[in-house]
Amino acid sequence: MWEVTEEDLEPIAIGAGILGTGGGGNPYLGFLRAREALRKVGRVVVIDPDEVFDDQRLIVSGGMGSPVVSYEKLPQGDEEANAVRAMEQHLGYRFDAIAPFEMGGGNSMAPLVVGAKLDIPVVDGDGMGRAFPELQMTTYLIYGGSAAPAALADERGNRVILSEVTDAKWLEKIARAVTIEMGGHAGLASSPMDGTHCRRTIIPNTLRLAYRIGVAVLDARRAHQDPGEAIISVTGGCRYLRGKVVDLERRTTRGFAKGHLILEGTGDDLERVIRIEFQNENLVILEDGEPRVVVPDLITLVSTDRGEPLTTEVVRYGFRADVLTIPCHELLKTPKALEVVGPRAFGYDLDFTPIV
């Protein structure tokens, strides 16, 4: 058991933003929400997946919507907790723990807010080991979890229950449509499961990993060392390119932030030019017209001077960035998972070739 303190929140937010591969919501806003919840409630407890009992009841919690909207439309703060409450009322029982959807800046902190508000523990892990743009892309659902019921809640007090859906893709379609009508951002609770399914399908200990990454970045800043190297030392990744953003196209379409970045190399990478395509999250690196790194491996941008995660909604022309690549978890590399989170799931006619 890990009782998260206010001092833990900054490194968790930094590390989760880095693992979020450009998506998952704003890390700083997530940090502020979690800090406010801790100050009001006093504590939030994180438990290891091995501490979850077979018959315990869990719910997956997080935010849904375009990350660009989360900057322009600040959450009221109770959306995710209200979605969980709606699920409890619908099912007629209280949940024993919260399981995070993904590792993204905002969506890694949202379950901590829910855990604090509802006084239930958060499981140290998530359903992606990174961030993905669509609901069916969680390991909970890929490996046999139930897509329904699910609940959405907005800042106005509206709550919607999806009692039955055909499959996980229909959950994504319907929940996305509701989220758009709610203004582009909503709290979501879905994938109710027992402890046995959680332990079998969760990507474990990713909150701890985010914390370790964040601590490494903060230590590197204090020591005036390279934060990119610090991130690599914790994650086992590599620096693909150090460069600057020279072109950017970003548009919000059907609840997603879609577009691409072009970076020109600097220093030892001076002659190189790469293109990164994204849908909320960074999906593929193209160099010389060829795919070099593809989803589900992680592609993340951090500022060269501070190791700050550069999410797809904040990155701008002229930003200097390290492009880091990190191997994804083994649960995302199976044929079953690659059908849902591999390159073809995003419209790329490519085979997945892992970076390591």
Foldseek 3Di string as FASTA:
>chain_A
DDKDDLVLLQLLLQLLAQLQQQFQADLVLLSVLLNVLCVVQPIAAEDELVPADQFFKEKEKFKAFANLQCVVPPAPRCQRLVQQVVVCVVVVHHGQEYEFAARHNNSVSSRSSNCRVVVHHYYQFHQQSYDDRFRCLGLLQLVPFDFDFKWKGGRVGDIDTDHDDPGRVRSRVVVLVVCVVSPGMIIMMGRIDGSVSCSVRTGTRSSVLSSQLSVQLVVCLVVQHWSVVSNCVSQVWDFPAWFFWADWDWDQDSRWTWTKTKTAGDDVRRHWIWMWTDTQRTAFIATPNHTDAGPPWRWWKAQGRRRGTNHNSRGDGGGTITTMTGFTDPSCVDPSNCVCINPVVVPDPDDHDTPD
